[in-house]
Amino acid sequence: MSRTTLGWTEGQTRIDATSGGDKRALVTSNSVLPELSEAQEKPRPLWRHPAFILSMALTVVAVVVSVVLIILSLTGGGSGTVSGLTVDSGEGNAHLTWSVDRGDVDLYVVTGDEAMDLSQLVRGSEAWVPSALALYDKTSCFVVRSTEHRSQPVTLDADSLAAQQASSACLS
């Protein structure tokens, strides 16, 4: 009769933990694995650090962009010329349209001797001035000129308008 104990049959060799057979010690004096020593890290040269490489790349890009912008500003020419200013004052609002060859423009309304800056109403090459704001009346004139002439006084004089490459139109 064969006796089965937890999957073992009588013909198989069974190692019993309680038997005092030959056991290997867990720690031996002759270790199979070599002892680990700390790996010596060679210091990385400055030019191989990622932060240095990134900062140098960004510096080169900034210098190239600066040079391109300087060249464009030097060869860009003068201010833009405004021409063809028309005023349509239908339905109580003033609709101004003009053409400019380049650059941004400022819009002014001149009533009597007073000039008021309306540049915040400019959208591209047109502007809508609502009559409800009471910014103009029937005697007002509008002047559109390049932003480069912002420091000069606003006048309706033909010579000043030509010098500033501006255009004017009056409601009356």
N, C-alpha and C. Protein backbone atom coordinates (compact mmCIF):
# COMPACT_ATOMS: atom_id res chain seq x y z
N MET A 1 0.84 -1.15 0.00
CA MET A 1 0.00 0.00 0.00
C MET A 1 0.89 1.21 0.00
N SER A 2 0.55 2.10 -0.87
CA SER A 2 1.38 3.29 -0.93
C SER A 2 0.70 4.41 -0.16
N ARG A 3 1.54 5.10 0.51
CA ARG A 3 1.02 6.17 1.36
C ARG A 3 1.31 7.52 0.68
N THR A 4 0.30 8.36 0.60
CA THR A 4 0.45 9.67 -0.03
C THR A 4 0.26 10.73 1.04
N THR A 5 1.25 11.60 1.13
CA THR A 5 1.17 12.72 2.07
C THR A 5 1.44 14.00 1.30
N LEU A 6 0.49 14.81 1.18
CA LEU A 6 0.59 16.11 0.51
C LEU A 6 1.29 16.02 -0.84
N GLY A 7 0.88 15.11 -1.64
CA GLY A 7 1.42 15.01 -2.98
C GLY A 7 2.69 14.20 -3.10
N TRP A 8 3.20 13.60 -2.01
CA TRP A 8 4.41 12.81 -2.07
C TRP A 8 4.04 11.34 -2.04
N THR A 9 4.71 10.59 -2.80
CA THR A 9 4.52 9.13 -2.74
C THR A 9 5.70 8.53 -2.02
N GLU A 10 5.60 7.27 -1.66
CA GLU A 10 6.64 6.63 -0.86
C GLU A 10 7.95 6.48 -1.61
N GLY A 11 7.92 6.37 -2.89
CA GLY A 11 9.15 6.16 -3.63
C GLY A 11 9.97 7.42 -3.79
N GLN A 12 9.45 8.56 -3.50
CA GLN A 12 10.16 9.81 -3.69
C GLN A 12 10.90 10.19 -2.42
N THR A 13 12.00 10.92 -2.62
CA THR A 13 12.76 11.39 -1.48
C THR A 13 12.13 12.65 -0.97
N ARG A 14 11.99 12.68 0.31
CA ARG A 14 11.37 13.83 0.92
C ARG A 14 12.33 14.44 1.91
N ILE A 15 12.45 15.77 1.86
CA ILE A 15 13.33 16.44 2.80
C ILE A 15 12.45 17.00 3.89
N ASP A 16 12.78 16.63 5.05
CA ASP A 16 12.02 17.09 6.20
C ASP A 16 12.83 18.17 6.90
N ALA A 17 12.21 19.29 7.18
CA ALA A 17 12.92 20.41 7.80
C ALA A 17 13.32 20.08 9.23
N THR A 18 12.65 19.19 9.86
CA THR A 18 12.98 18.87 11.24
C THR A 18 14.07 17.84 11.35
N SER A 19 14.34 17.17 10.26
CA SER A 19 15.41 16.17 10.35
C SER A 19 16.74 16.87 10.37
N GLY A 20 17.70 16.34 10.97
CA GLY A 20 18.99 16.97 11.17
C GLY A 20 19.97 16.65 10.09
N GLY A 21 19.55 16.56 8.82
CA GLY A 21 20.45 16.25 7.72
C GLY A 21 21.43 17.37 7.47
N ASP A 22 22.25 17.19 6.41
CA ASP A 22 23.24 18.21 6.05
C ASP A 22 22.52 19.43 5.49
N LYS A 23 22.74 20.54 6.15
CA LYS A 23 22.15 21.80 5.71
C LYS A 23 23.27 22.78 5.43
N ARG A 24 23.07 23.55 4.42
CA ARG A 24 24.03 24.60 4.14
C ARG A 24 23.70 25.83 4.95
N ALA A 25 24.69 26.45 5.45
CA ALA A 25 24.46 27.68 6.20
C ALA A 25 24.07 28.79 5.24
N LEU A 26 23.26 29.68 5.69
CA LEU A 26 22.82 30.77 4.83
C LEU A 26 23.95 31.74 4.53
N VAL A 27 24.83 31.97 5.46
CA VAL A 27 25.95 32.88 5.26
C VAL A 27 27.21 32.05 5.23
N THR A 28 27.98 32.24 4.20
CA THR A 28 29.24 31.50 4.09
C THR A 28 30.38 32.49 4.04
N SER A 29 31.52 32.05 4.38
CA SER A 29 32.68 32.92 4.34
C SER A 29 33.17 33.10 2.91
N ASN A 30 33.02 32.12 2.08
CA ASN A 30 33.40 32.21 0.67
C ASN A 30 32.16 32.57 -0.14
N SER A 31 31.98 33.81 -0.35
CA SER A 31 30.80 34.28 -1.06
C SER A 31 30.97 34.07 -2.56
N VAL A 32 29.89 33.75 -3.22
CA VAL A 32 29.92 33.54 -4.65
C VAL A 32 29.93 34.88 -5.39
N LEU A 33 29.22 35.84 -4.85
CA LEU A 33 29.15 37.16 -5.49
C LEU A 33 30.27 38.06 -4.98
N PRO A 34 30.84 38.87 -5.86
CA PRO A 34 31.89 39.79 -5.39
C PRO A 34 31.25 40.91 -4.57
N GLU A 35 32.03 41.50 -3.75
CA GLU A 35 31.53 42.62 -2.96
C GLU A 35 31.36 43.82 -3.86
N LEU A 36 30.28 44.55 -3.63
CA LEU A 36 29.99 45.73 -4.44
C LEU A 36 30.72 46.93 -3.88
N SER A 37 31.30 47.67 -4.77
CA SER A 37 31.93 48.93 -4.36
C SER A 37 31.21 50.06 -5.09
N GLU A 38 31.22 51.24 -4.51
CA GLU A 38 30.54 52.36 -5.13
C GLU A 38 31.25 52.73 -6.43
N ALA A 39 30.43 52.95 -7.43
CA ALA A 39 30.98 53.35 -8.72
C ALA A 39 31.42 54.81 -8.63
N GLN A 40 32.59 55.08 -9.11
CA GLN A 40 33.11 56.45 -9.10
C GLN A 40 32.48 57.20 -10.27
N GLU A 41 31.80 58.32 -9.96
CA GLU A 41 31.21 59.13 -11.01
C GLU A 41 32.20 60.19 -11.46
N LYS A 42 32.44 60.18 -12.75
CA LYS A 42 33.34 61.17 -13.31
C LYS A 42 32.54 62.47 -13.50
N PRO A 43 33.04 63.57 -13.00
CA PRO A 43 32.27 64.82 -13.15
C PRO A 43 32.10 65.18 -14.63
N ARG A 44 30.88 65.58 -14.96
CA ARG A 44 30.54 65.92 -16.33
C ARG A 44 31.08 67.32 -16.64
N PRO A 45 31.68 67.52 -17.82
CA PRO A 45 32.16 68.86 -18.16
C PRO A 45 30.97 69.82 -18.32
N LEU A 46 31.22 71.09 -18.11
CA LEU A 46 30.16 72.10 -18.14
C LEU A 46 29.39 72.10 -19.46
N TRP A 47 30.07 71.97 -20.56
CA TRP A 47 29.42 72.06 -21.86
C TRP A 47 28.52 70.88 -22.15
N ARG A 48 28.52 69.84 -21.31
CA ARG A 48 27.65 68.68 -21.54
C ARG A 48 26.44 68.66 -20.60
N HIS A 49 26.32 69.65 -19.73
CA HIS A 49 25.15 69.72 -18.85
C HIS A 49 23.94 70.15 -19.68
N PRO A 50 22.78 69.53 -19.47
CA PRO A 50 21.59 69.90 -20.25
C PRO A 50 21.19 71.36 -20.07
N ALA A 51 21.33 71.90 -18.88
CA ALA A 51 20.95 73.30 -18.66
C ALA A 51 21.86 74.24 -19.45
N PHE A 52 23.12 73.93 -19.54
CA PHE A 52 24.05 74.76 -20.31
C PHE A 52 23.73 74.69 -21.80
N ILE A 53 23.44 73.49 -22.28
CA ILE A 53 23.12 73.32 -23.70
C ILE A 53 21.85 74.08 -24.04
N LEU A 54 20.82 74.00 -23.19
CA LEU A 54 19.57 74.71 -23.42
C LEU A 54 19.77 76.22 -23.40
N SER A 55 20.53 76.70 -22.42
CA SER A 55 20.73 78.15 -22.34
C SER A 55 21.54 78.66 -23.54
N MET A 56 22.48 77.90 -24.01
CA MET A 56 23.25 78.33 -25.19
C MET A 56 22.36 78.34 -26.44
N ALA A 57 21.50 77.34 -26.58
CA ALA A 57 20.60 77.30 -27.74
C ALA A 57 19.64 78.49 -27.71
N LEU A 58 19.08 78.80 -26.55
CA LEU A 58 18.17 79.93 -26.45
C LEU A 58 18.89 81.26 -26.67
N THR A 59 20.13 81.35 -26.25
CA THR A 59 20.91 82.57 -26.48
C THR A 59 21.15 82.77 -27.98
N VAL A 60 21.48 81.71 -28.68
CA VAL A 60 21.71 81.80 -30.12
C VAL A 60 20.42 82.22 -30.82
N VAL A 61 19.28 81.64 -30.42
CA VAL A 61 18.00 82.01 -31.03
C VAL A 61 17.69 83.49 -30.76
N ALA A 62 17.91 83.96 -29.54
CA ALA A 62 17.64 85.36 -29.20
C ALA A 62 18.52 86.31 -30.00
N VAL A 63 19.78 85.97 -30.18
CA VAL A 63 20.69 86.82 -30.95
C VAL A 63 20.26 86.87 -32.42
N VAL A 64 19.87 85.73 -32.98
CA VAL A 64 19.45 85.70 -34.38
C VAL A 64 18.18 86.53 -34.57
N VAL A 65 17.21 86.38 -33.67
CA VAL A 65 15.97 87.16 -33.77
C VAL A 65 16.25 88.65 -33.63
N SER A 66 17.13 89.02 -32.72
CA SER A 66 17.49 90.44 -32.55
C SER A 66 18.11 91.01 -33.81
N VAL A 67 19.02 90.28 -34.41
CA VAL A 67 19.67 90.75 -35.64
C VAL A 67 18.64 90.91 -36.76
N VAL A 68 17.73 89.96 -36.88
CA VAL A 68 16.71 90.05 -37.93
C VAL A 68 15.81 91.26 -37.70
N LEU A 69 15.40 91.49 -36.45
CA LEU A 69 14.54 92.64 -36.16
C LEU A 69 15.25 93.97 -36.40
N ILE A 70 16.53 94.04 -36.06
CA ILE A 70 17.30 95.26 -36.32
C ILE A 70 17.41 95.52 -37.82
N ILE A 71 17.69 94.48 -38.58
CA ILE A 71 17.80 94.64 -40.03
C ILE A 71 16.46 95.08 -40.63
N LEU A 72 15.36 94.47 -40.16
CA LEU A 72 14.05 94.86 -40.67
C LEU A 72 13.69 96.30 -40.31
N SER A 73 14.05 96.73 -39.11
CA SER A 73 13.74 98.11 -38.73
C SER A 73 14.58 99.12 -39.50
N LEU A 74 15.82 98.76 -39.84
CA LEU A 74 16.67 99.68 -40.59
C LEU A 74 16.26 99.77 -42.05
N THR A 75 15.78 98.69 -42.62
CA THR A 75 15.42 98.68 -44.03
C THR A 75 13.92 98.88 -44.25
N GLY A 76 13.15 99.07 -43.18
CA GLY A 76 11.71 99.19 -43.28
C GLY A 76 11.23 100.48 -43.91
N GLY A 77 12.06 101.48 -43.98
CA GLY A 77 11.65 102.74 -44.58
C GLY A 77 10.95 103.63 -43.59
N GLY A 78 10.26 104.64 -44.11
CA GLY A 78 9.59 105.62 -43.27
C GLY A 78 8.22 105.16 -42.82
N SER A 79 7.42 106.15 -42.48
CA SER A 79 6.08 105.86 -41.98
C SER A 79 5.14 105.54 -43.13
N GLY A 80 4.00 105.00 -42.77
CA GLY A 80 3.00 104.66 -43.77
C GLY A 80 2.26 105.90 -44.24
N THR A 81 1.83 105.87 -45.49
CA THR A 81 1.09 106.98 -46.08
C THR A 81 -0.39 106.66 -46.05
N VAL A 82 -1.18 107.57 -45.48
CA VAL A 82 -2.62 107.40 -45.40
C VAL A 82 -3.24 108.16 -46.57
N SER A 83 -4.18 107.52 -47.25
CA SER A 83 -4.85 108.19 -48.37
C SER A 83 -6.30 107.72 -48.44
N GLY A 84 -7.11 108.51 -49.12
CA GLY A 84 -8.49 108.12 -49.40
C GLY A 84 -9.40 108.09 -48.18
N LEU A 85 -9.23 109.01 -47.26
CA LEU A 85 -10.11 109.06 -46.08
C LEU A 85 -11.49 109.53 -46.49
N THR A 86 -12.50 108.74 -46.19
CA THR A 86 -13.90 109.11 -46.46
C THR A 86 -14.70 108.98 -45.18
N VAL A 87 -15.69 109.86 -45.05
CA VAL A 87 -16.57 109.85 -43.88
C VAL A 87 -18.00 109.67 -44.36
N ASP A 88 -18.67 108.66 -43.83
CA ASP A 88 -20.08 108.44 -44.11
C ASP A 88 -20.81 108.63 -42.78
N SER A 89 -21.62 109.68 -42.69
CA SER A 89 -22.27 109.99 -41.41
C SER A 89 -23.75 109.64 -41.43
N GLY A 90 -24.11 108.56 -42.05
CA GLY A 90 -25.50 108.13 -42.10
C GLY A 90 -25.91 107.48 -40.78
N GLU A 91 -27.21 107.58 -40.49
CA GLU A 91 -27.84 106.97 -39.31
C GLU A 91 -27.23 107.45 -37.99
N GLY A 92 -26.68 108.63 -37.97
CA GLY A 92 -26.21 109.21 -36.71
C GLY A 92 -24.82 108.79 -36.29
N ASN A 93 -24.21 107.87 -36.96
CA ASN A 93 -22.85 107.43 -36.63
C ASN A 93 -21.92 107.81 -37.78
N ALA A 94 -20.67 108.04 -37.45
CA ALA A 94 -19.69 108.36 -38.48
C ALA A 94 -18.87 107.10 -38.76
N HIS A 95 -18.86 106.70 -40.03
CA HIS A 95 -18.07 105.54 -40.46
C HIS A 95 -16.94 106.07 -41.32
N LEU A 96 -15.71 105.88 -40.85
CA LEU A 96 -14.53 106.37 -41.56
C LEU A 96 -13.80 105.20 -42.18
N THR A 97 -13.38 105.36 -43.42
CA THR A 97 -12.55 104.35 -44.09
C THR A 97 -11.39 105.06 -44.77
N TRP A 98 -10.28 104.37 -44.89
CA TRP A 98 -9.08 104.91 -45.50
C TRP A 98 -8.21 103.75 -45.97
N SER A 99 -7.13 104.08 -46.63
CA SER A 99 -6.14 103.06 -47.01
C SER A 99 -4.77 103.54 -46.54
N VAL A 100 -3.97 102.61 -46.11
CA VAL A 100 -2.62 102.90 -45.63
C VAL A 100 -1.71 101.83 -46.19
N ASP A 101 -0.51 102.22 -46.62
CA ASP A 101 0.38 101.24 -47.24
C ASP A 101 1.08 100.35 -46.21
N ARG A 102 1.36 100.85 -45.00
CA ARG A 102 1.95 99.99 -43.97
C ARG A 102 1.86 100.69 -42.62
N GLY A 103 1.91 99.89 -41.58
CA GLY A 103 1.96 100.44 -40.23
C GLY A 103 0.59 100.71 -39.62
N ASP A 104 0.62 101.14 -38.37
CA ASP A 104 -0.58 101.48 -37.63
C ASP A 104 -0.87 102.96 -37.76
N VAL A 105 -2.13 103.31 -37.54
CA VAL A 105 -2.54 104.71 -37.68
C VAL A 105 -3.22 105.19 -36.40
N ASP A 106 -3.24 106.53 -36.26
CA ASP A 106 -3.98 107.18 -35.18
C ASP A 106 -5.11 107.99 -35.82
N LEU A 107 -6.23 108.04 -35.10
CA LEU A 107 -7.39 108.79 -35.57
C LEU A 107 -7.66 109.94 -34.61
N TYR A 108 -7.85 111.12 -35.16
CA TYR A 108 -8.14 112.31 -34.35
C TYR A 108 -9.38 112.99 -34.90
N VAL A 109 -10.17 113.60 -34.02
CA VAL A 109 -11.27 114.46 -34.41
C VAL A 109 -10.89 115.87 -33.99
N VAL A 110 -11.01 116.82 -34.93
CA VAL A 110 -10.66 118.21 -34.68
C VAL A 110 -11.94 119.03 -34.74
N THR A 111 -12.28 119.64 -33.60
CA THR A 111 -13.45 120.51 -33.51
C THR A 111 -12.95 121.86 -33.02
N GLY A 112 -13.04 122.87 -33.89
CA GLY A 112 -12.48 124.18 -33.55
C GLY A 112 -10.97 124.08 -33.49
N ASP A 113 -10.39 124.44 -32.34
CA ASP A 113 -8.93 124.34 -32.16
C ASP A 113 -8.55 123.12 -31.34
N GLU A 114 -9.52 122.32 -30.95
CA GLU A 114 -9.27 121.16 -30.09
C GLU A 114 -9.17 119.88 -30.91
N ALA A 115 -8.14 119.06 -30.60
CA ALA A 115 -7.99 117.75 -31.25
C ALA A 115 -8.11 116.67 -30.18
N MET A 116 -8.93 115.66 -30.47
CA MET A 116 -9.15 114.57 -29.53
C MET A 116 -8.73 113.26 -30.19
N ASP A 117 -7.98 112.46 -29.44
CA ASP A 117 -7.48 111.18 -29.94
C ASP A 117 -8.60 110.13 -29.86
N LEU A 118 -8.94 109.53 -30.98
CA LEU A 118 -9.94 108.46 -31.06
C LEU A 118 -9.33 107.16 -31.56
N SER A 119 -8.05 106.98 -31.34
CA SER A 119 -7.34 105.82 -31.89
C SER A 119 -7.87 104.49 -31.38
N GLN A 120 -8.52 104.50 -30.22
CA GLN A 120 -9.04 103.24 -29.69
C GLN A 120 -10.21 102.72 -30.51
N LEU A 121 -10.79 103.56 -31.38
CA LEU A 121 -11.91 103.13 -32.22
C LEU A 121 -11.46 102.55 -33.55
N VAL A 122 -10.16 102.59 -33.84
CA VAL A 122 -9.65 102.10 -35.13
C VAL A 122 -9.63 100.58 -35.14
N ARG A 123 -10.19 100.01 -36.22
CA ARG A 123 -10.19 98.57 -36.45
C ARG A 123 -9.71 98.33 -37.88
N GLY A 124 -8.42 98.05 -38.03
CA GLY A 124 -7.86 97.84 -39.36
C GLY A 124 -7.77 99.15 -40.11
N SER A 125 -8.55 99.26 -41.20
CA SER A 125 -8.53 100.50 -41.99
C SER A 125 -9.91 101.16 -41.96
N GLU A 126 -10.58 101.07 -40.83
CA GLU A 126 -11.86 101.74 -40.66
C GLU A 126 -12.10 102.04 -39.19
N ALA A 127 -13.09 102.91 -38.94
CA ALA A 127 -13.48 103.24 -37.57
C ALA A 127 -14.94 103.65 -37.56
N TRP A 128 -15.63 103.27 -36.51
CA TRP A 128 -17.01 103.69 -36.28
C TRP A 128 -17.00 104.62 -35.08
N VAL A 129 -17.54 105.82 -35.25
CA VAL A 129 -17.62 106.79 -34.16
C VAL A 129 -19.10 107.03 -33.87
N PRO A 130 -19.61 106.50 -32.76
CA PRO A 130 -21.03 106.68 -32.45
C PRO A 130 -21.34 108.13 -32.10
N SER A 131 -22.47 108.62 -32.61
CA SER A 131 -22.87 110.00 -32.32
C SER A 131 -23.34 110.14 -30.88
N ALA A 132 -23.77 109.06 -30.26
CA ALA A 132 -24.23 109.11 -28.87
C ALA A 132 -23.11 109.49 -27.91
N LEU A 133 -21.87 109.31 -28.29
CA LEU A 133 -20.74 109.69 -27.43
C LEU A 133 -20.45 111.19 -27.49
N ALA A 134 -21.05 111.89 -28.41
CA ALA A 134 -20.87 113.33 -28.59
C ALA A 134 -19.39 113.72 -28.73
N LEU A 135 -18.68 112.95 -29.54
CA LEU A 135 -17.26 113.23 -29.78
C LEU A 135 -17.06 114.16 -30.96
N TYR A 136 -18.10 114.36 -31.77
CA TYR A 136 -17.98 115.22 -32.95
C TYR A 136 -19.31 115.93 -33.16
N ASP A 137 -19.25 116.99 -33.97
CA ASP A 137 -20.47 117.69 -34.38
C ASP A 137 -20.38 117.97 -35.88
N LYS A 138 -21.28 118.79 -36.39
CA LYS A 138 -21.33 119.05 -37.84
C LYS A 138 -20.12 119.81 -38.36
N THR A 139 -19.37 120.48 -37.48
CA THR A 139 -18.21 121.26 -37.90
C THR A 139 -16.89 120.50 -37.71
N SER A 140 -16.95 119.27 -37.27
CA SER A 140 -15.74 118.50 -36.96
C SER A 140 -15.08 117.94 -38.21
N CYS A 141 -13.77 117.77 -38.11
CA CYS A 141 -12.98 117.13 -39.16
C CYS A 141 -12.21 115.98 -38.53
N PHE A 142 -11.96 114.95 -39.32
CA PHE A 142 -11.21 113.78 -38.85
C PHE A 142 -9.86 113.75 -39.54
N VAL A 143 -8.83 113.39 -38.79
CA VAL A 143 -7.48 113.28 -39.32
C VAL A 143 -6.97 111.87 -39.01
N VAL A 144 -6.44 111.20 -40.01
CA VAL A 144 -5.83 109.88 -39.85
C VAL A 144 -4.39 110.00 -40.29
N ARG A 145 -3.47 109.60 -39.41
CA ARG A 145 -2.04 109.67 -39.74
C ARG A 145 -1.31 108.49 -39.09
N SER A 146 -0.10 108.26 -39.54
CA SER A 146 0.71 107.16 -39.02
C SER A 146 1.07 107.41 -37.55
N THR A 147 1.21 106.36 -36.79
CA THR A 147 1.55 106.49 -35.36
C THR A 147 2.95 107.05 -35.15
N GLU A 148 3.78 107.04 -36.17
CA GLU A 148 5.13 107.58 -36.03
C GLU A 148 5.13 109.11 -35.86
N HIS A 149 4.03 109.76 -36.20
CA HIS A 149 3.92 111.22 -36.08
C HIS A 149 3.14 111.62 -34.83
N ARG A 150 3.03 110.73 -33.88
CA ARG A 150 2.23 110.95 -32.68
C ARG A 150 2.71 112.16 -31.88
N SER A 151 4.00 112.43 -31.87
CA SER A 151 4.54 113.54 -31.07
C SER A 151 4.28 114.90 -31.69
N GLN A 152 3.90 114.96 -32.94
CA GLN A 152 3.66 116.24 -33.62
C GLN A 152 2.21 116.69 -33.39
N PRO A 153 1.99 118.01 -33.41
CA PRO A 153 0.62 118.50 -33.18
C PRO A 153 -0.30 118.14 -34.35
N VAL A 154 -1.58 117.98 -34.03
CA VAL A 154 -2.59 117.66 -35.04
C VAL A 154 -3.16 118.96 -35.58
N THR A 155 -3.04 119.16 -36.88
CA THR A 155 -3.58 120.36 -37.53
C THR A 155 -4.28 119.95 -38.81
N LEU A 156 -5.06 120.88 -39.34
CA LEU A 156 -5.74 120.66 -40.63
C LEU A 156 -5.03 121.37 -41.77
N ASP A 157 -3.87 121.92 -41.49
CA ASP A 157 -3.08 122.63 -42.49
C ASP A 157 -2.61 121.63 -43.55
N ALA A 158 -2.76 122.00 -44.81
CA ALA A 158 -2.43 121.09 -45.92
C ALA A 158 -0.94 120.73 -45.93
N ASP A 159 -0.08 121.70 -45.61
CA ASP A 159 1.37 121.42 -45.60
C ASP A 159 1.73 120.44 -44.48
N SER A 160 1.13 120.63 -43.30
CA SER A 160 1.40 119.71 -42.17
C SER A 160 0.89 118.31 -42.47
N LEU A 161 -0.30 118.23 -43.08
CA LEU A 161 -0.84 116.92 -43.44
C LEU A 161 0.04 116.21 -44.46
N ALA A 162 0.56 116.95 -45.43
CA ALA A 162 1.43 116.35 -46.44
C ALA A 162 2.75 115.90 -45.82
N ALA A 163 3.28 116.70 -44.89
CA ALA A 163 4.55 116.34 -44.24
C ALA A 163 4.39 115.09 -43.37
N GLN A 164 3.20 114.94 -42.77
CA GLN A 164 2.95 113.79 -41.91
C GLN A 164 2.37 112.60 -42.68
N GLN A 165 2.19 112.75 -43.99
CA GLN A 165 1.59 111.73 -44.84
C GLN A 165 0.22 111.31 -44.29
N ALA A 166 -0.55 112.31 -43.87
CA ALA A 166 -1.85 112.09 -43.26
C ALA A 166 -2.95 112.47 -44.25
N SER A 167 -4.16 112.14 -43.85
CA SER A 167 -5.33 112.47 -44.65
C SER A 167 -6.40 113.00 -43.73
N SER A 168 -7.21 113.95 -44.23
CA SER A 168 -8.28 114.51 -43.42
C SER A 168 -9.57 114.56 -44.21
N ALA A 169 -10.68 114.57 -43.48
CA ALA A 169 -12.01 114.69 -44.09
C ALA A 169 -12.91 115.37 -43.07
N CYS A 170 -13.76 116.27 -43.57
CA CYS A 170 -14.66 117.03 -42.68
C CYS A 170 -16.10 116.60 -42.93
N LEU A 171 -16.94 116.77 -41.92
CA LEU A 171 -18.34 116.40 -42.03
C LEU A 171 -19.14 117.43 -42.83
N SER A 172 -18.79 118.70 -42.73
CA SER A 172 -19.58 119.74 -43.42
C SER A 172 -19.16 119.90 -44.86
